[in-house]
Amino acid sequence: METANQNTELNPEIKEEVLLKKDYWLGIIVGLLIGVMFMPVLKVIKPNLYFQLRFIIIPFFLIGTPLGLIVSHKISKLSKKLSVIWQLAKFVVTGIMNVLVDFGTLTIITILLRNYFHINSTDIILSLGITVTFYSLYKATSFTVSNINSYFWNKYWTFDKRGDNQSEFIQFFIVSIVGFIINVVVASFVFSGFQPFAGMNADQWGLIGAAAGSIAGLAWNFLGYKFIVFKK
């Protein structure tokens, strides 16, 4: 047993094969989460398209996500200059999952509270110079859920950072707070500051706001996680 372990440690090809298998199975899990969280989002955005595709959404992401990772891994092996593509690919896949966790949670909260408690996302909580609606509360909640999910996937998979320490958690907290502010402020600004167009309802427009917030915080999150929180 010890000899086998030593050979695995000494042989980079064997170690790489083991890592790739792990990444493949994690890719399947990510694909499943993407598919599950994408369904309520698509149902709000395009109900007719949702009913047409509802039976193939999860299988599509279950197959497509790990295949995309395999292609990215092969491209990253072509040159040292392209090696960052593998880490970036995992970050993008994880990012897509976290965005859909964010959007899916936002959608579920919005629908549940409206249907069971008769609270609309446009209802005002506070109006003292600035108007704060329930949408901002929903968005803060969905972002928090997404951010917790993001921490574990980026730590143990994207940046492969082992070990726990207090300073890392503090750094993650600070970076996440900045990302949180960027995300929620931009999302709320788009939702409350602009009128829906193209016949969009409040739920659909809320997802547009969420998309704007996620895009605004994407670059900050990658740089903050890579060079501050999970740096080697």
C-alpha atoms as a PDB file:
ATOM      1  CA  MET A   1       0.000   0.000   0.000  1.00  0.00           C
ATOM      2  CA  GLU A   2       2.819   2.386   0.881  1.00  0.00           C
ATOM      3  CA  THR A   3       4.566   1.635  -2.423  1.00  0.00           C
ATOM      4  CA  ALA A   4       1.409   2.398  -4.380  1.00  0.00           C
ATOM      5  CA  ASN A   5       0.963   5.673  -2.522  1.00  0.00           C
ATOM      6  CA  GLN A   6       4.572   6.652  -3.120  1.00  0.00           C
ATOM      7  CA  ASN A   7       4.278   5.869  -6.824  1.00  0.00           C
ATOM      8  CA  THR A   8       1.173   8.026  -7.044  1.00  0.00           C
ATOM      9  CA  GLU A   9       2.998  10.892  -5.355  1.00  0.00           C
ATOM     10  CA  LEU A  10       6.100  10.523  -7.501  1.00  0.00           C
ATOM     11  CA  ASN A  11       4.348  10.065 -10.838  1.00  0.00           C
ATOM     12  CA  PRO A  12       2.802  13.369 -12.008  1.00  0.00           C
ATOM     13  CA  GLU A  13       0.763  11.632 -14.720  1.00  0.00           C
ATOM     14  CA  ILE A  14      -0.942   9.319 -12.215  1.00  0.00           C
ATOM     15  CA  LYS A  15      -1.575  12.219  -9.847  1.00  0.00           C
ATOM     16  CA  GLU A  16      -3.001  14.321 -12.679  1.00  0.00           C
ATOM     17  CA  GLU A  17      -5.295  11.460 -13.723  1.00  0.00           C
ATOM     18  CA  VAL A  18      -6.624  11.155 -10.170  1.00  0.00           C
ATOM     19  CA  LEU A  19      -7.226  14.905  -9.982  1.00  0.00           C
ATOM     20  CA  LEU A  20      -8.974  14.936 -13.349  1.00  0.00           C
ATOM     21  CA  LYS A  21     -11.332  12.156 -12.233  1.00  0.00           C
ATOM     22  CA  LYS A  22     -12.129  14.136  -9.093  1.00  0.00           C
ATOM     23  CA  ASP A  23     -12.757  17.243 -11.174  1.00  0.00           C
ATOM     24  CA  TYR A  24     -14.982  15.241 -13.519  1.00  0.00           C
ATOM     25  CA  TRP A  25     -17.223  14.031 -10.688  1.00  0.00           C
ATOM     26  CA  LEU A  26     -17.306  17.444  -9.069  1.00  0.00           C
ATOM     27  CA  GLY A  27     -18.235  18.829 -12.470  1.00  0.00           C
ATOM     28  CA  ILE A  28     -21.222  16.477 -12.540  1.00  0.00           C
ATOM     29  CA  ILE A  29     -22.330  17.743  -9.108  1.00  0.00           C
ATOM     30  CA  VAL A  30     -21.947  21.356 -10.253  1.00  0.00           C
ATOM     31  CA  GLY A  31     -23.896  20.558 -13.429  1.00  0.00           C
ATOM     32  CA  LEU A  32     -26.703  19.082 -11.344  1.00  0.00           C
ATOM     33  CA  LEU A  33     -26.891  22.185  -9.137  1.00  0.00           C
ATOM     34  CA  ILE A  34     -26.829  24.457 -12.187  1.00  0.00           C
ATOM     35  CA  GLY A  35     -29.671  22.531 -13.797  1.00  0.00           C
ATOM     36  CA  VAL A  36     -31.806  22.440 -10.644  1.00  0.00           C
ATOM     37  CA  MET A  37     -31.419  26.157  -9.912  1.00  0.00           C
ATOM     38  CA  PHE A  38     -31.817  27.139 -13.558  1.00  0.00           C
ATOM     39  CA  MET A  39     -35.311  25.635 -13.754  1.00  0.00           C
ATOM     40  CA  PRO A  40     -37.192  28.151 -11.532  1.00  0.00           C
ATOM     41  CA  VAL A  41     -35.268  31.005 -13.147  1.00  0.00           C
ATOM     42  CA  LEU A  42     -36.200  29.913 -16.673  1.00  0.00           C
ATOM     43  CA  LYS A  43     -39.809  29.375 -15.569  1.00  0.00           C
ATOM     44  CA  VAL A  44     -40.006  33.042 -14.579  1.00  0.00           C
ATOM     45  CA  ILE A  45     -38.117  34.400 -17.596  1.00  0.00           C
ATOM     46  CA  LYS A  46     -39.652  32.234 -20.335  1.00  0.00           C
ATOM     47  CA  PRO A  47     -42.527  30.063 -19.057  1.00  0.00           C
ATOM     48  CA  ASN A  48     -43.277  28.593 -22.498  1.00  0.00           C
ATOM     49  CA  LEU A  49     -39.630  27.687 -23.093  1.00  0.00           C
ATOM     50  CA  TYR A  50     -39.436  26.172 -19.620  1.00  0.00           C
ATOM     51  CA  PHE A  51     -42.305  23.769 -20.329  1.00  0.00           C
ATOM     52  CA  GLN A  52     -40.694  22.779 -23.618  1.00  0.00           C
ATOM     53  CA  LEU A  53     -37.252  22.107 -22.111  1.00  0.00           C
ATOM     54  CA  ARG A  54     -38.002  21.089 -18.522  1.00  0.00           C
ATOM     55  CA  PHE A  55     -37.155  17.423 -19.070  1.00  0.00           C
ATOM     56  CA  ILE A  56     -33.764  18.028 -20.709  1.00  0.00           C
ATOM     57  CA  ILE A  57     -32.396  20.943 -18.669  1.00  0.00           C
ATOM     58  CA  ILE A  58     -30.801  18.847 -15.902  1.00  0.00           C
ATOM     59  CA  PRO A  59     -29.398  16.129 -18.245  1.00  0.00           C
ATOM     60  CA  PHE A  60     -27.948  18.847 -20.489  1.00  0.00           C
ATOM     61  CA  PHE A  61     -25.938  20.431 -17.673  1.00  0.00           C
ATOM     62  CA  LEU A  62     -25.051  17.056 -16.148  1.00  0.00           C
ATOM     63  CA  ILE A  63     -23.321  16.090 -19.397  1.00  0.00           C
ATOM     64  CA  GLY A  64     -22.200  19.471 -20.695  1.00  0.00           C
ATOM     65  CA  THR A  65     -20.472  20.775 -17.563  1.00  0.00           C
ATOM     66  CA  PRO A  66     -17.893  17.972 -17.110  1.00  0.00           C
ATOM     67  CA  LEU A  67     -17.297  17.814 -20.879  1.00  0.00           C
ATOM     68  CA  GLY A  68     -16.565  21.538 -20.940  1.00  0.00           C
ATOM     69  CA  LEU A  69     -14.113  21.104 -18.061  1.00  0.00           C
ATOM     70  CA  ILE A  70     -12.313  18.290 -19.882  1.00  0.00           C
ATOM     71  CA  VAL A  71     -11.901  20.483 -22.983  1.00  0.00           C
ATOM     72  CA  SER A  72     -10.605  23.368 -20.851  1.00  0.00           C
ATOM     73  CA  HIS A  73      -8.135  21.056 -19.126  1.00  0.00           C
ATOM     74  CA  LYS A  74      -6.751  19.828 -22.455  1.00  0.00           C
ATOM     75  CA  ILE A  75      -6.379  23.421 -23.724  1.00  0.00           C
ATOM     76  CA  SER A  76      -4.556  24.418 -20.532  1.00  0.00           C
ATOM     77  CA  LYS A  77      -1.991  21.640 -21.109  1.00  0.00           C
ATOM     78  CA  LEU A  78      -0.940  23.024 -24.497  1.00  0.00           C
ATOM     79  CA  SER A  79       1.206  25.788 -23.022  1.00  0.00           C
ATOM     80  CA  LYS A  80       2.302  27.203 -19.683  1.00  0.00           C
ATOM     81  CA  LYS A  81       0.798  30.506 -20.788  1.00  0.00           C
ATOM     82  CA  LEU A  82      -2.562  28.747 -21.054  1.00  0.00           C
ATOM     83  CA  SER A  83      -2.329  26.996 -17.680  1.00  0.00           C
ATOM     84  CA  VAL A  84      -4.508  29.654 -16.057  1.00  0.00           C
ATOM     85  CA  ILE A  85      -7.364  28.599 -18.351  1.00  0.00           C
ATOM     86  CA  TRP A  86      -7.979  25.487 -16.232  1.00  0.00           C
ATOM     87  CA  GLN A  87      -8.372  27.492 -13.036  1.00  0.00           C
ATOM     88  CA  LEU A  88     -10.391  30.151 -14.853  1.00  0.00           C
ATOM     89  CA  ALA A  89     -12.667  27.454 -16.321  1.00  0.00           C
ATOM     90  CA  LYS A  90     -13.403  26.084 -12.848  1.00  0.00           C
ATOM     91  CA  PHE A  91     -14.005  29.618 -11.591  1.00  0.00           C
ATOM     92  CA  VAL A  92     -16.414  30.341 -14.454  1.00  0.00           C
ATOM     93  CA  VAL A  93     -18.314  27.076 -13.895  1.00  0.00           C
ATOM     94  CA  THR A  94     -18.444  27.734 -10.162  1.00  0.00           C
ATOM     95  CA  GLY A  95     -19.453  31.318 -10.883  1.00  0.00           C
ATOM     96  CA  ILE A  96     -22.320  30.217 -13.123  1.00  0.00           C
ATOM     97  CA  MET A  97     -23.480  27.842 -10.409  1.00  0.00           C
ATOM     98  CA  ASN A  98     -23.304  30.559  -7.750  1.00  0.00           C
ATOM     99  CA  VAL A  99     -25.156  33.042  -9.965  1.00  0.00           C
ATOM    100  CA  LEU A 100     -27.929  30.493 -10.473  1.00  0.00           C
ATOM    101  CA  VAL A 101     -27.979  29.692  -6.756  1.00  0.00           C
ATOM    102  CA  ASP A 102     -28.381  33.449  -6.257  1.00  0.00           C
ATOM    103  CA  PHE A 103     -31.085  33.808  -8.932  1.00  0.00           C
ATOM    104  CA  GLY A 104     -32.852  30.587  -7.976  1.00  0.00           C
ATOM    105  CA  THR A 105     -32.986  31.506  -4.292  1.00  0.00           C
ATOM    106  CA  LEU A 106     -34.210  35.000  -5.199  1.00  0.00           C
ATOM    107  CA  THR A 107     -36.938  33.546  -7.407  1.00  0.00           C
ATOM    108  CA  ILE A 108     -38.069  30.975  -4.839  1.00  0.00           C
ATOM    109  CA  ILE A 109     -38.216  33.557  -2.026  1.00  0.00           C
ATOM    110  CA  THR A 110     -40.122  36.010  -4.227  1.00  0.00           C
ATOM    111  CA  ILE A 111     -42.722  33.463  -5.295  1.00  0.00           C
ATOM    112  CA  LEU A 112     -43.190  31.862  -1.860  1.00  0.00           C
ATOM    113  CA  LEU A 113     -43.626  35.139   0.021  1.00  0.00           C
ATOM    114  CA  ARG A 114     -45.985  36.508  -2.598  1.00  0.00           C
ATOM    115  CA  ASN A 115     -48.141  33.376  -2.766  1.00  0.00           C
ATOM    116  CA  TYR A 116     -48.264  32.522   0.940  1.00  0.00           C
ATOM    117  CA  PHE A 117     -47.773  35.873   2.705  1.00  0.00           C
ATOM    118  CA  HIS A 118     -49.004  38.295   0.012  1.00  0.00           C
ATOM    119  CA  ILE A 119     -45.760  40.266   0.111  1.00  0.00           C
ATOM    120  CA  ASN A 120     -44.606  41.671  -3.228  1.00  0.00           C
ATOM    121  CA  SER A 121     -41.009  42.425  -4.085  1.00  0.00           C
ATOM    122  CA  THR A 122     -42.012  46.012  -4.906  1.00  0.00           C
ATOM    123  CA  ASP A 123     -43.542  46.654  -1.455  1.00  0.00           C
ATOM    124  CA  ILE A 124     -41.625  49.345   0.428  1.00  0.00           C
ATOM    125  CA  ILE A 125     -39.870  48.557   3.710  1.00  0.00           C
ATOM    126  CA  LEU A 126     -38.240  51.947   4.290  1.00  0.00           C
ATOM    127  CA  SER A 127     -38.478  55.327   2.609  1.00  0.00           C
ATOM    128  CA  LEU A 128     -36.192  57.913   4.215  1.00  0.00           C
ATOM    129  CA  GLY A 129     -34.430  59.699   1.403  1.00  0.00           C
ATOM    130  CA  ILE A 130     -33.889  56.367  -0.298  1.00  0.00           C
ATOM    131  CA  THR A 131     -36.515  53.742  -1.021  1.00  0.00           C
ATOM    132  CA  VAL A 132     -35.836  50.222   0.235  1.00  0.00           C
ATOM    133  CA  THR A 133     -38.167  47.519  -1.033  1.00  0.00           C
ATOM    134  CA  PHE A 134     -38.561  43.876  -0.086  1.00  0.00           C
ATOM    135  CA  TYR A 135     -36.584  43.115  -3.230  1.00  0.00           C
ATOM    136  CA  SER A 136     -33.429  44.443  -1.568  1.00  0.00           C
ATOM    137  CA  LEU A 137     -34.053  42.122   1.397  1.00  0.00           C
ATOM    138  CA  TYR A 138     -34.635  39.168  -0.915  1.00  0.00           C
ATOM    139  CA  LYS A 139     -31.489  40.000  -2.895  1.00  0.00           C
ATOM    140  CA  ALA A 140     -29.392  40.286   0.252  1.00  0.00           C
ATOM    141  CA  THR A 141     -30.635  36.867   1.386  1.00  0.00           C
ATOM    142  CA  SER A 142     -30.035  35.153  -1.948  1.00  0.00           C
ATOM    143  CA  PHE A 143     -26.573  36.679  -2.225  1.00  0.00           C
ATOM    144  CA  THR A 144     -25.661  35.435   1.255  1.00  0.00           C
ATOM    145  CA  VAL A 145     -26.727  31.874   0.401  1.00  0.00           C
ATOM    146  CA  SER A 146     -24.791  32.055  -2.868  1.00  0.00           C
ATOM    147  CA  ASN A 147     -21.729  33.483  -1.145  1.00  0.00           C
ATOM    148  CA  ILE A 148     -21.533  30.682   1.428  1.00  0.00           C
ATOM    149  CA  ASN A 149     -21.786  28.176  -1.410  1.00  0.00           C
ATOM    150  CA  SER A 150     -19.111  30.105  -3.323  1.00  0.00           C
ATOM    151  CA  TYR A 151     -16.646  29.999  -0.435  1.00  0.00           C
ATOM    152  CA  PHE A 152     -16.510  26.233  -0.161  1.00  0.00           C
ATOM    153  CA  TRP A 153     -16.394  25.539  -3.898  1.00  0.00           C
ATOM    154  CA  ASN A 154     -13.713  28.151  -4.590  1.00  0.00           C
ATOM    155  CA  LYS A 155     -11.632  27.185  -1.570  1.00  0.00           C
ATOM    156  CA  TYR A 156     -11.562  23.423  -2.069  1.00  0.00           C
ATOM    157  CA  TRP A 157     -11.956  23.167  -5.831  1.00  0.00           C
ATOM    158  CA  THR A 158     -11.213  26.270  -7.913  1.00  0.00           C
ATOM    159  CA  PHE A 159      -8.152  27.439  -5.968  1.00  0.00           C
ATOM    160  CA  ASP A 160      -7.529  24.119  -4.154  1.00  0.00           C
ATOM    161  CA  LYS A 161      -6.570  25.785  -0.881  1.00  0.00           C
ATOM    162  CA  ARG A 162      -6.293  23.337   2.016  1.00  0.00           C
ATOM    163  CA  GLY A 163      -6.320  24.098   5.701  1.00  0.00           C
ATOM    164  CA  ASP A 164      -8.375  26.513   7.728  1.00  0.00           C
ATOM    165  CA  ASN A 165      -7.194  29.648   9.437  1.00  0.00           C
ATOM    166  CA  GLN A 166      -8.797  32.678  10.977  1.00  0.00           C
ATOM    167  CA  SER A 167      -7.067  35.214   8.758  1.00  0.00           C
ATOM    168  CA  GLU A 168      -8.370  33.483   5.627  1.00  0.00           C
ATOM    169  CA  PHE A 169     -11.918  33.673   6.925  1.00  0.00           C
ATOM    170  CA  ILE A 170     -11.493  37.370   7.775  1.00  0.00           C
ATOM    171  CA  GLN A 171     -10.071  38.064   4.316  1.00  0.00           C
ATOM    172  CA  PHE A 172     -12.916  36.154   2.685  1.00  0.00           C
ATOM    173  CA  PHE A 173     -15.405  38.080   4.812  1.00  0.00           C
ATOM    174  CA  ILE A 174     -13.935  41.448   3.782  1.00  0.00           C
ATOM    175  CA  VAL A 175     -13.761  40.565   0.081  1.00  0.00           C
ATOM    176  CA  SER A 176     -17.282  39.159   0.242  1.00  0.00           C
ATOM    177  CA  ILE A 177     -18.652  42.265   1.964  1.00  0.00           C
ATOM    178  CA  VAL A 178     -17.281  44.446  -0.832  1.00  0.00           C
ATOM    179  CA  GLY A 179     -18.735  42.027  -3.387  1.00  0.00           C
ATOM    180  CA  PHE A 180     -22.003  42.023  -1.463  1.00  0.00           C
ATOM    181  CA  ILE A 181     -22.201  45.827  -1.563  1.00  0.00           C
ATOM    182  CA  ILE A 182     -21.406  45.950  -5.280  1.00  0.00           C
ATOM    183  CA  ASN A 183     -23.878  43.176  -6.082  1.00  0.00           C
ATOM    184  CA  VAL A 184     -26.837  44.412  -4.025  1.00  0.00           C
ATOM    185  CA  VAL A 185     -26.377  48.128  -4.818  1.00  0.00           C
ATOM    186  CA  VAL A 186     -26.159  47.553  -8.568  1.00  0.00           C
ATOM    187  CA  ALA A 187     -29.057  45.064  -8.543  1.00  0.00           C
ATOM    188  CA  SER A 188     -31.265  47.366  -6.467  1.00  0.00           C
ATOM    189  CA  PHE A 189     -30.308  50.398  -8.587  1.00  0.00           C
ATOM    190  CA  VAL A 190     -31.314  48.640 -11.796  1.00  0.00           C
ATOM    191  CA  PHE A 191     -34.524  47.234 -10.262  1.00  0.00           C
ATOM    192  CA  SER A 192     -35.716  50.493  -8.679  1.00  0.00           C
ATOM    193  CA  GLY A 193     -34.057  53.072 -10.927  1.00  0.00           C
ATOM    194  CA  PHE A 194     -35.273  51.828 -14.299  1.00  0.00           C
ATOM    195  CA  GLN A 195     -38.642  50.802 -15.616  1.00  0.00           C
ATOM    196  CA  PRO A 196     -39.079  47.271 -16.995  1.00  0.00           C
ATOM    197  CA  PHE A 197     -39.138  47.104 -20.774  1.00  0.00           C
ATOM    198  CA  ALA A 198     -40.151  44.587 -23.431  1.00  0.00           C
ATOM    199  CA  GLY A 199     -43.227  43.689 -21.391  1.00  0.00           C
ATOM    200  CA  MET A 200     -41.243  42.298 -18.443  1.00  0.00           C
ATOM    201  CA  ASN A 201     -43.019  41.823 -15.124  1.00  0.00           C
ATOM    202  CA  ALA A 202     -41.498  42.588 -11.702  1.00  0.00           C
ATOM    203  CA  ASP A 203     -40.111  39.045 -11.248  1.00  0.00           C
ATOM    204  CA  GLN A 204     -38.388  39.107 -14.634  1.00  0.00           C
ATOM    205  CA  TRP A 205     -37.047  42.607 -14.056  1.00  0.00           C
ATOM    206  CA  GLY A 206     -35.724  41.478 -10.675  1.00  0.00           C
ATOM    207  CA  LEU A 207     -33.626  38.848 -12.432  1.00  0.00           C
ATOM    208  CA  ILE A 208     -32.285  41.522 -14.794  1.00  0.00           C
ATOM    209  CA  GLY A 209     -31.228  43.513 -11.751  1.00  0.00           C
ATOM    210  CA  ALA A 210     -29.641  40.403 -10.246  1.00  0.00           C
ATOM    211  CA  ALA A 211     -27.733  39.779 -13.485  1.00  0.00           C
ATOM    212  CA  ALA A 212     -26.377  43.333 -13.489  1.00  0.00           C
ATOM    213  CA  GLY A 213     -25.261  42.961  -9.876  1.00  0.00           C
ATOM    214  CA  SER A 214     -23.545  39.636 -10.545  1.00  0.00           C
ATOM    215  CA  ILE A 215     -21.685  40.970 -13.590  1.00  0.00           C
ATOM    216  CA  ALA A 216     -20.522  44.025 -11.653  1.00  0.00           C
ATOM    217  CA  GLY A 217     -19.056  41.878  -8.872  1.00  0.00           C
ATOM    218  CA  LEU A 218     -17.540  39.091 -11.007  1.00  0.00           C
ATOM    219  CA  ALA A 219     -14.135  40.667 -11.691  1.00  0.00           C
ATOM    220  CA  TRP A 220     -13.756  41.799  -8.082  1.00  0.00           C
ATOM    221  CA  ASN A 221     -14.559  38.331  -6.753  1.00  0.00           C
ATOM    222  CA  PHE A 222     -12.021  36.546  -8.967  1.00  0.00           C
ATOM    223  CA  LEU A 223      -9.192  38.956  -8.196  1.00  0.00           C
ATOM    224  CA  GLY A 224     -10.027  39.090  -4.494  1.00  0.00           C
ATOM    225  CA  TYR A 225     -10.281  35.317  -4.088  1.00  0.00           C
ATOM    226  CA  LYS A 226      -7.194  34.541  -6.175  1.00  0.00           C
ATOM    227  CA  PHE A 227      -4.764  37.152  -4.863  1.00  0.00           C
ATOM    228  CA  ILE A 228      -6.058  37.835  -1.337  1.00  0.00           C
ATOM    229  CA  VAL A 229      -8.109  34.995   0.126  1.00  0.00           C
ATOM    230  CA  PHE A 230      -6.830  31.817  -1.544  1.00  0.00           C
ATOM    231  CA  LYS A 231      -3.364  32.875  -2.602  1.00  0.00           C
ATOM    232  CA  LYS A 232      -0.801  30.106  -2.444  1.00  0.00           C
END
